[in-house]
Amino acid sequence: MTVALEIAVQDAVGYRIAAEAGAQRIELCAGLAATGGLTPSAGLLGTVLGERGFLRGAGRPAPEVHVLVRTRPGGFEYAEHEAEVLVRDVRMIRSAGADGVVVGGLTTDGQVDRALLARLVEAADGIDVTFHRAIDTVADPLAALDQLVEAGVRRVLTSGGAPRAIEGADRLAALVEHAAGRIQVMAGGGVRPEDIPPLVALGVDAVHLSASRAVQADGGPGGGGDAGYTVTDPALVSAAALALRG
């Protein structure tokens, strides 16, 4: 089985780095370090899709573009006005030509929000749907996995309920066994290149990491926060790809 490499990136430079390393997919998001990731702007999405088109036109490997759809930081319970934004964003992303969306939502009692998920899958209209790490907070992840399968979700991103995926190995193994090929299990959450071989040994379908490094910006942040930000680190992406090739 070929295990896919997915890199979370925040710009076209990160996309090119992932492509050069041989990643199969990227998750495009904004504000990764500060918020855990939010929906990228239409301008950013268009720029990255343009880069994908350029690489494909040149006959070069071009990772699929999967886009995070998350309106705000914090928990995964969404009011109706927030849910409407999520649905509209999924439609926009599909219309723009992305390969997939990364979504998630929970009910007030911490279960998969099946009604919201059905709306999001419908809005995706055939492109891949990944359920994000909201699954790591549910009480019964195996039952949640069954619900994702029923909803038509292609894959789930999970750390196995731990801060770092390597620490959630037992649950990841249980999820892989329970999935039984019905849905892809992608290990993600604090993944380092050295974690990849033992994660692959669990039978996961993909590994996901940001492979980023912090940089300091000149001038103030303009909002009272940290002036620094993160960028994709070519050395870490290359190390991850090498670890995956074994």
C-alpha atoms as a PDB file:
ATOM      1  CA  MET A   1       0.000   0.000   0.000  1.00  0.00           C
ATOM      2  CA  THR A   2       1.254   3.463  -0.903  1.00  0.00           C
ATOM      3  CA  VAL A   3       1.010   5.855   2.028  1.00  0.00           C
ATOM      4  CA  ALA A   4       0.297   9.429   0.963  1.00  0.00           C
ATOM      5  CA  LEU A   5       2.104  12.496   2.267  1.00  0.00           C
ATOM      6  CA  GLU A   6      -0.016  15.571   2.942  1.00  0.00           C
ATOM      7  CA  ILE A   7       1.554  18.909   3.898  1.00  0.00           C
ATOM      8  CA  ALA A   8      -0.417  21.739   5.491  1.00  0.00           C
ATOM      9  CA  VAL A   9       0.636  24.949   3.734  1.00  0.00           C
ATOM     10  CA  GLN A  10      -0.335  28.603   3.862  1.00  0.00           C
ATOM     11  CA  ASP A  11       0.875  29.968   0.530  1.00  0.00           C
ATOM     12  CA  ALA A  12       2.024  29.167  -2.996  1.00  0.00           C
ATOM     13  CA  VAL A  13       5.643  28.867  -1.857  1.00  0.00           C
ATOM     14  CA  GLY A  14       4.612  26.094   0.521  1.00  0.00           C
ATOM     15  CA  TYR A  15       2.742  24.415  -2.316  1.00  0.00           C
ATOM     16  CA  ARG A  16       5.851  24.444  -4.514  1.00  0.00           C
ATOM     17  CA  ILE A  17       7.962  23.038  -1.688  1.00  0.00           C
ATOM     18  CA  ALA A  18       5.473  20.206  -1.194  1.00  0.00           C
ATOM     19  CA  ALA A  19       5.419  19.522  -4.929  1.00  0.00           C
ATOM     20  CA  GLU A  20       9.196  19.396  -5.211  1.00  0.00           C
ATOM     21  CA  ALA A  21       9.373  16.904  -2.337  1.00  0.00           C
ATOM     22  CA  GLY A  22       6.803  14.635  -3.958  1.00  0.00           C
ATOM     23  CA  ALA A  23       3.854  15.178  -1.606  1.00  0.00           C
ATOM     24  CA  GLN A  24       0.582  13.800  -2.940  1.00  0.00           C
ATOM     25  CA  ARG A  25      -1.650  16.415  -1.308  1.00  0.00           C
ATOM     26  CA  ILE A  26      -1.607  19.723   0.480  1.00  0.00           C
ATOM     27  CA  GLU A  27      -4.094  21.120   2.942  1.00  0.00           C
ATOM     28  CA  LEU A  28      -4.401  24.835   2.275  1.00  0.00           C
ATOM     29  CA  CYS A  29      -5.230  26.987   5.270  1.00  0.00           C
ATOM     30  CA  ALA A  30      -4.547  30.361   6.855  1.00  0.00           C
ATOM     31  CA  GLY A  31      -3.293  31.300  10.310  1.00  0.00           C
ATOM     32  CA  LEU A  32      -1.998  27.811  11.031  1.00  0.00           C
ATOM     33  CA  ALA A  33       0.236  28.537  14.020  1.00  0.00           C
ATOM     34  CA  ALA A  34      -1.983  31.185  15.581  1.00  0.00           C
ATOM     35  CA  THR A  35      -5.339  29.425  15.217  1.00  0.00           C
ATOM     36  CA  GLY A  36      -4.769  25.821  14.173  1.00  0.00           C
ATOM     37  CA  GLY A  37      -5.875  26.809  10.691  1.00  0.00           C
ATOM     38  CA  LEU A  38      -8.745  28.753   9.130  1.00  0.00           C
ATOM     39  CA  THR A  39     -10.352  28.965   5.698  1.00  0.00           C
ATOM     40  CA  PRO A  40      -7.934  30.640   3.264  1.00  0.00           C
ATOM     41  CA  SER A  41      -8.991  33.634   1.211  1.00  0.00           C
ATOM     42  CA  ALA A  42     -10.290  33.307  -2.332  1.00  0.00           C
ATOM     43  CA  GLY A  43      -7.171  35.107  -3.529  1.00  0.00           C
ATOM     44  CA  LEU A  44      -4.858  32.626  -1.824  1.00  0.00           C
ATOM     45  CA  LEU A  45      -6.832  29.679  -3.144  1.00  0.00           C
ATOM     46  CA  GLY A  46      -6.737  31.071  -6.669  1.00  0.00           C
ATOM     47  CA  THR A  47      -2.986  31.616  -6.486  1.00  0.00           C
ATOM     48  CA  VAL A  48      -2.306  28.068  -5.309  1.00  0.00           C
ATOM     49  CA  LEU A  49      -4.653  26.572  -7.894  1.00  0.00           C
ATOM     50  CA  GLY A  50      -2.804  28.597 -10.504  1.00  0.00           C
ATOM     51  CA  GLU A  51       0.455  27.043  -9.339  1.00  0.00           C
ATOM     52  CA  ARG A  52      -1.118  23.598  -9.573  1.00  0.00           C
ATOM     53  CA  GLY A  53      -2.252  24.366 -13.113  1.00  0.00           C
ATOM     54  CA  PHE A  54       1.212  25.569 -14.099  1.00  0.00           C
ATOM     55  CA  LEU A  55       2.850  22.386 -12.833  1.00  0.00           C
ATOM     56  CA  ARG A  56       0.294  20.167 -14.531  1.00  0.00           C
ATOM     57  CA  GLY A  57       0.698  22.073 -17.774  1.00  0.00           C
ATOM     58  CA  ALA A  58       4.454  21.554 -17.582  1.00  0.00           C
ATOM     59  CA  GLY A  59       3.999  17.834 -17.049  1.00  0.00           C
ATOM     60  CA  ARG A  60       5.384  18.021 -13.520  1.00  0.00           C
ATOM     61  CA  PRO A  61       3.966  16.425 -10.362  1.00  0.00           C
ATOM     62  CA  ALA A  62       1.322  18.667  -8.826  1.00  0.00           C
ATOM     63  CA  PRO A  63      -0.112  17.792  -5.415  1.00  0.00           C
ATOM     64  CA  GLU A  64      -3.860  17.815  -5.013  1.00  0.00           C
ATOM     65  CA  VAL A  65      -5.226  20.921  -3.300  1.00  0.00           C
ATOM     66  CA  HIS A  66      -7.517  20.248  -0.349  1.00  0.00           C
ATOM     67  CA  VAL A  67      -8.849  23.288   1.465  1.00  0.00           C
ATOM     68  CA  LEU A  68      -9.629  23.707   5.148  1.00  0.00           C
ATOM     69  CA  VAL A  69     -13.100  25.092   5.803  1.00  0.00           C
ATOM     70  CA  ARG A  70     -13.163  26.543   9.318  1.00  0.00           C
ATOM     71  CA  THR A  71     -14.623  29.955  10.011  1.00  0.00           C
ATOM     72  CA  ARG A  72     -13.023  30.663  13.371  1.00  0.00           C
ATOM     73  CA  PRO A  73     -10.701  29.256  16.027  1.00  0.00           C
ATOM     74  CA  GLY A  74     -12.103  27.533  19.091  1.00  0.00           C
ATOM     75  CA  GLY A  75     -14.482  24.607  19.329  1.00  0.00           C
ATOM     76  CA  PHE A  76     -16.329  22.816  16.562  1.00  0.00           C
ATOM     77  CA  GLU A  77     -19.941  23.594  17.480  1.00  0.00           C
ATOM     78  CA  TYR A  78     -21.458  25.924  14.900  1.00  0.00           C
ATOM     79  CA  ALA A  79     -24.521  28.126  15.076  1.00  0.00           C
ATOM     80  CA  GLU A  80     -26.731  28.225  11.997  1.00  0.00           C
ATOM     81  CA  HIS A  81     -25.254  31.494  10.729  1.00  0.00           C
ATOM     82  CA  GLU A  82     -21.778  29.921  10.955  1.00  0.00           C
ATOM     83  CA  ALA A  83     -22.959  26.729   9.277  1.00  0.00           C
ATOM     84  CA  GLU A  84     -24.270  28.765   6.358  1.00  0.00           C
ATOM     85  CA  VAL A  85     -20.821  30.305   5.899  1.00  0.00           C
ATOM     86  CA  LEU A  86     -19.230  26.846   5.931  1.00  0.00           C
ATOM     87  CA  VAL A  87     -21.626  25.617   3.246  1.00  0.00           C
ATOM     88  CA  ARG A  88     -21.053  28.684   1.085  1.00  0.00           C
ATOM     89  CA  ASP A  89     -17.281  28.308   1.432  1.00  0.00           C
ATOM     90  CA  VAL A  90     -17.427  24.657   0.379  1.00  0.00           C
ATOM     91  CA  ARG A  91     -19.421  25.602  -2.708  1.00  0.00           C
ATOM     92  CA  MET A  92     -16.956  28.368  -3.571  1.00  0.00           C
ATOM     93  CA  ILE A  93     -13.968  26.059  -3.122  1.00  0.00           C
ATOM     94  CA  ARG A  94     -15.530  23.366  -5.313  1.00  0.00           C
ATOM     95  CA  SER A  95     -16.400  25.905  -8.000  1.00  0.00           C
ATOM     96  CA  ALA A  96     -12.836  27.235  -7.938  1.00  0.00           C
ATOM     97  CA  GLY A  97     -11.530  23.790  -8.870  1.00  0.00           C
ATOM     98  CA  ALA A  98     -10.017  22.440  -5.650  1.00  0.00           C
ATOM     99  CA  ASP A  99      -9.604  18.696  -5.293  1.00  0.00           C
ATOM    100  CA  GLY A 100     -11.214  18.471  -1.881  1.00  0.00           C
ATOM    101  CA  VAL A 101     -12.332  20.147   1.313  1.00  0.00           C
ATOM    102  CA  VAL A 102     -11.446  19.528   4.947  1.00  0.00           C
ATOM    103  CA  VAL A 103     -14.429  20.017   7.243  1.00  0.00           C
ATOM    104  CA  GLY A 104     -15.884  19.079  10.601  1.00  0.00           C
ATOM    105  CA  GLY A 105     -18.506  19.954  13.146  1.00  0.00           C
ATOM    106  CA  LEU A 106     -19.819  18.652  16.446  1.00  0.00           C
ATOM    107  CA  THR A 107     -23.098  18.821  18.318  1.00  0.00           C
ATOM    108  CA  THR A 108     -23.396  20.392  21.761  1.00  0.00           C
ATOM    109  CA  ASP A 109     -22.965  16.952  23.347  1.00  0.00           C
ATOM    110  CA  GLY A 110     -19.714  16.343  21.480  1.00  0.00           C
ATOM    111  CA  GLN A 111     -20.930  14.025  18.725  1.00  0.00           C
ATOM    112  CA  VAL A 112     -20.451  14.344  14.972  1.00  0.00           C
ATOM    113  CA  ASP A 113     -22.926  16.930  13.694  1.00  0.00           C
ATOM    114  CA  ARG A 114     -24.457  14.650  11.097  1.00  0.00           C
ATOM    115  CA  ALA A 115     -26.936  17.221   9.833  1.00  0.00           C
ATOM    116  CA  LEU A 116     -24.206  19.776   9.180  1.00  0.00           C
ATOM    117  CA  LEU A 117     -21.934  17.140   7.669  1.00  0.00           C
ATOM    118  CA  ALA A 118     -24.661  16.089   5.236  1.00  0.00           C
ATOM    119  CA  ARG A 119     -24.987  19.700   4.070  1.00  0.00           C
ATOM    120  CA  LEU A 120     -21.230  20.020   3.625  1.00  0.00           C
ATOM    121  CA  VAL A 121     -20.904  16.755   1.692  1.00  0.00           C
ATOM    122  CA  GLU A 122     -23.779  17.826  -0.548  1.00  0.00           C
ATOM    123  CA  ALA A 123     -22.117  21.207  -1.145  1.00  0.00           C
ATOM    124  CA  ALA A 124     -18.839  19.444  -2.023  1.00  0.00           C
ATOM    125  CA  ASP A 125     -20.728  17.796  -4.883  1.00  0.00           C
ATOM    126  CA  GLY A 126     -18.314  14.971  -5.600  1.00  0.00           C
ATOM    127  CA  ILE A 127     -14.926  16.358  -4.596  1.00  0.00           C
ATOM    128  CA  ASP A 128     -13.111  14.664  -1.715  1.00  0.00           C
ATOM    129  CA  VAL A 129     -14.275  15.383   1.818  1.00  0.00           C
ATOM    130  CA  THR A 130     -11.899  14.957   4.753  1.00  0.00           C
ATOM    131  CA  PHE A 131     -13.182  15.181   8.329  1.00  0.00           C
ATOM    132  CA  HIS A 132     -10.630  17.026  10.445  1.00  0.00           C
ATOM    133  CA  ARG A 133      -9.376  16.530  13.983  1.00  0.00           C
ATOM    134  CA  ALA A 134     -12.729  17.347  15.536  1.00  0.00           C
ATOM    135  CA  ILE A 135     -12.966  13.554  15.702  1.00  0.00           C
ATOM    136  CA  ASP A 136     -10.260  13.571  18.363  1.00  0.00           C
ATOM    137  CA  THR A 137     -12.670  15.130  20.860  1.00  0.00           C
ATOM    138  CA  VAL A 138     -15.619  12.732  20.477  1.00  0.00           C
ATOM    139  CA  ALA A 139     -16.337  10.150  23.170  1.00  0.00           C
ATOM    140  CA  ASP A 140     -16.642   7.190  20.785  1.00  0.00           C
ATOM    141  CA  PRO A 141     -14.347   7.645  17.773  1.00  0.00           C
ATOM    142  CA  LEU A 142     -15.187   4.226  16.314  1.00  0.00           C
ATOM    143  CA  ALA A 143     -18.897   5.030  16.210  1.00  0.00           C
ATOM    144  CA  ALA A 144     -18.011   8.433  14.773  1.00  0.00           C
ATOM    145  CA  LEU A 145     -15.992   6.713  12.060  1.00  0.00           C
ATOM    146  CA  ASP A 146     -19.066   4.710  11.050  1.00  0.00           C
ATOM    147  CA  GLN A 147     -21.058   7.944  10.820  1.00  0.00           C
ATOM    148  CA  LEU A 148     -18.417   9.484   8.566  1.00  0.00           C
ATOM    149  CA  VAL A 149     -18.545   6.455   6.282  1.00  0.00           C
ATOM    150  CA  GLU A 150     -22.335   6.708   6.075  1.00  0.00           C
ATOM    151  CA  ALA A 151     -22.058  10.409   5.223  1.00  0.00           C
ATOM    152  CA  GLY A 152     -19.727   9.766   2.289  1.00  0.00           C
ATOM    153  CA  VAL A 153     -16.545  11.179   3.828  1.00  0.00           C
ATOM    154  CA  ARG A 154     -13.381  10.021   2.021  1.00  0.00           C
ATOM    155  CA  ARG A 155     -10.874  10.264   4.878  1.00  0.00           C
ATOM    156  CA  VAL A 156     -10.418  11.356   8.471  1.00  0.00           C
ATOM    157  CA  LEU A 157      -7.504  13.308   9.919  1.00  0.00           C
ATOM    158  CA  THR A 158      -6.723  12.224  13.466  1.00  0.00           C
ATOM    159  CA  SER A 159      -3.992  12.192  16.078  1.00  0.00           C
ATOM    160  CA  GLY A 160      -5.619   9.253  17.799  1.00  0.00           C
ATOM    161  CA  GLY A 161      -6.947  11.650  20.417  1.00  0.00           C
ATOM    162  CA  ALA A 162      -3.479  12.600  21.653  1.00  0.00           C
ATOM    163  CA  PRO A 163      -1.572  15.895  21.429  1.00  0.00           C
ATOM    164  CA  ARG A 164       0.796  14.186  18.986  1.00  0.00           C
ATOM    165  CA  ALA A 165      -0.142  11.391  16.617  1.00  0.00           C
ATOM    166  CA  ILE A 166       2.753   9.206  17.712  1.00  0.00           C
ATOM    167  CA  GLU A 167       1.296   9.301  21.239  1.00  0.00           C
ATOM    168  CA  GLY A 168      -2.097   8.174  19.931  1.00  0.00           C
ATOM    169  CA  ALA A 169      -0.754   5.037  18.266  1.00  0.00           C
ATOM    170  CA  ASP A 170      -3.123   2.616  20.014  1.00  0.00           C
ATOM    171  CA  ARG A 171      -6.244   4.513  18.975  1.00  0.00           C
ATOM    172  CA  LEU A 172      -4.891   5.060  15.468  1.00  0.00           C
ATOM    173  CA  ALA A 173      -4.377   1.314  15.123  1.00  0.00           C
ATOM    174  CA  ALA A 174      -7.933   0.706  16.352  1.00  0.00           C
ATOM    175  CA  LEU A 175      -9.307   3.229  13.860  1.00  0.00           C
ATOM    176  CA  VAL A 176      -7.397   1.611  10.993  1.00  0.00           C
ATOM    177  CA  GLU A 177      -8.751  -1.805  11.958  1.00  0.00           C
ATOM    178  CA  HIS A 178     -12.309  -0.518  12.336  1.00  0.00           C
ATOM    179  CA  ALA A 179     -12.150   1.422   9.062  1.00  0.00           C
ATOM    180  CA  ALA A 180     -11.406  -1.814   7.204  1.00  0.00           C
ATOM    181  CA  GLY A 181     -10.804   0.096   3.985  1.00  0.00           C
ATOM    182  CA  ARG A 182     -14.176   1.891   4.075  1.00  0.00           C
ATOM    183  CA  ILE A 183     -12.567   5.253   4.823  1.00  0.00           C
ATOM    184  CA  GLN A 184      -8.967   6.445   4.786  1.00  0.00           C
ATOM    185  CA  VAL A 185      -7.261   7.127   8.113  1.00  0.00           C
ATOM    186  CA  MET A 186      -4.685   9.930   7.959  1.00  0.00           C
ATOM    187  CA  ALA A 187      -2.375  10.394  10.944  1.00  0.00           C
ATOM    188  CA  GLY A 188      -1.711  14.013  11.839  1.00  0.00           C
ATOM    189  CA  GLY A 189      -0.954  16.150  14.832  1.00  0.00           C
ATOM    190  CA  GLY A 190       2.546  17.190  15.843  1.00  0.00           C
ATOM    191  CA  VAL A 191       4.086  14.744  13.365  1.00  0.00           C
ATOM    192  CA  ARG A 192       7.855  14.895  12.966  1.00  0.00           C
ATOM    193  CA  PRO A 193       9.814  13.090  10.252  1.00  0.00           C
ATOM    194  CA  GLU A 194      11.111  10.513  12.729  1.00  0.00           C
ATOM    195  CA  ASP A 195       7.518   9.643  13.687  1.00  0.00           C
ATOM    196  CA  ILE A 196       6.566   8.634  10.170  1.00  0.00           C
ATOM    197  CA  PRO A 197       7.937   5.046  10.002  1.00  0.00           C
ATOM    198  CA  PRO A 198       6.153   3.910  13.195  1.00  0.00           C
ATOM    199  CA  LEU A 199       2.948   5.644  12.072  1.00  0.00           C
ATOM    200  CA  VAL A 200       3.125   3.902   8.700  1.00  0.00           C
ATOM    201  CA  ALA A 201       3.582   0.604  10.532  1.00  0.00           C
ATOM    202  CA  LEU A 202       0.133   1.116  12.076  1.00  0.00           C
ATOM    203  CA  GLY A 203      -1.424   0.810   8.623  1.00  0.00           C
ATOM    204  CA  VAL A 204      -2.531   4.419   8.146  1.00  0.00           C
ATOM    205  CA  ASP A 205      -3.350   5.547   4.628  1.00  0.00           C
ATOM    206  CA  ALA A 206      -1.579   8.907   4.888  1.00  0.00           C
ATOM    207  CA  VAL A 207       0.470  11.126   7.165  1.00  0.00           C
ATOM    208  CA  HIS A 208      -0.128  14.849   7.574  1.00  0.00           C
ATOM    209  CA  LEU A 209       2.193  17.508   8.936  1.00  0.00           C
ATOM    210  CA  SER A 210       2.802  21.222   8.665  1.00  0.00           C
ATOM    211  CA  ALA A 211       6.609  20.894   8.417  1.00  0.00           C
ATOM    212  CA  SER A 212       6.932  24.553   9.309  1.00  0.00           C
ATOM    213  CA  ARG A 213       9.365  26.871  11.023  1.00  0.00           C
ATOM    214  CA  ALA A 214       8.843  30.169  12.777  1.00  0.00           C
ATOM    215  CA  VAL A 215      10.126  33.438  11.350  1.00  0.00           C
ATOM    216  CA  GLN A 216      10.107  36.917  12.803  1.00  0.00           C
ATOM    217  CA  ALA A 217       8.606  39.779  10.840  1.00  0.00           C
ATOM    218  CA  ASP A 218       9.969  43.306  10.822  1.00  0.00           C
ATOM    219  CA  GLY A 219       7.784  45.807  12.603  1.00  0.00           C
ATOM    220  CA  GLY A 220       4.940  45.246  15.004  1.00  0.00           C
ATOM    221  CA  PRO A 221       2.090  42.794  14.555  1.00  0.00           C
ATOM    222  CA  GLY A 222      -0.488  45.559  14.329  1.00  0.00           C
ATOM    223  CA  GLY A 223      -2.879  43.827  16.709  1.00  0.00           C
ATOM    224  CA  GLY A 224      -0.986  43.431  19.919  1.00  0.00           C
ATOM    225  CA  GLY A 225       0.050  39.838  19.236  1.00  0.00           C
ATOM    226  CA  ASP A 226       3.223  38.108  18.158  1.00  0.00           C
ATOM    227  CA  ALA A 227       4.873  39.633  15.094  1.00  0.00           C
ATOM    228  CA  GLY A 228       6.179  36.237  13.988  1.00  0.00           C
ATOM    229  CA  TYR A 229       4.557  33.696  11.697  1.00  0.00           C
ATOM    230  CA  THR A 230       5.332  30.288  10.252  1.00  0.00           C
ATOM    231  CA  VAL A 231       6.420  29.166   6.804  1.00  0.00           C
ATOM    232  CA  THR A 232       6.883  25.779   5.188  1.00  0.00           C
ATOM    233  CA  ASP A 233      10.375  24.422   5.856  1.00  0.00           C
ATOM    234  CA  PRO A 234      11.875  22.696   2.773  1.00  0.00           C
ATOM    235  CA  ALA A 235      14.247  20.624   4.905  1.00  0.00           C
ATOM    236  CA  LEU A 236      11.430  19.241   7.046  1.00  0.00           C
ATOM    237  CA  VAL A 237       9.251  18.455   4.036  1.00  0.00           C
ATOM    238  CA  SER A 238      12.141  16.661   2.335  1.00  0.00           C
ATOM    239  CA  ALA A 239      12.896  14.737   5.527  1.00  0.00           C
ATOM    240  CA  ALA A 240       9.256  13.690   5.794  1.00  0.00           C
ATOM    241  CA  ALA A 241       9.198  12.500   2.191  1.00  0.00           C
ATOM    242  CA  LEU A 242      12.425  10.565   2.725  1.00  0.00           C
ATOM    243  CA  ALA A 243      11.066   8.955   5.893  1.00  0.00           C
ATOM    244  CA  LEU A 244       7.946   7.894   4.022  1.00  0.00           C
ATOM    245  CA  ARG A 245       9.961   6.310   1.236  1.00  0.00           C
ATOM    246  CA  GLY A 246      11.746   4.323   3.925  1.00  0.00           C
END
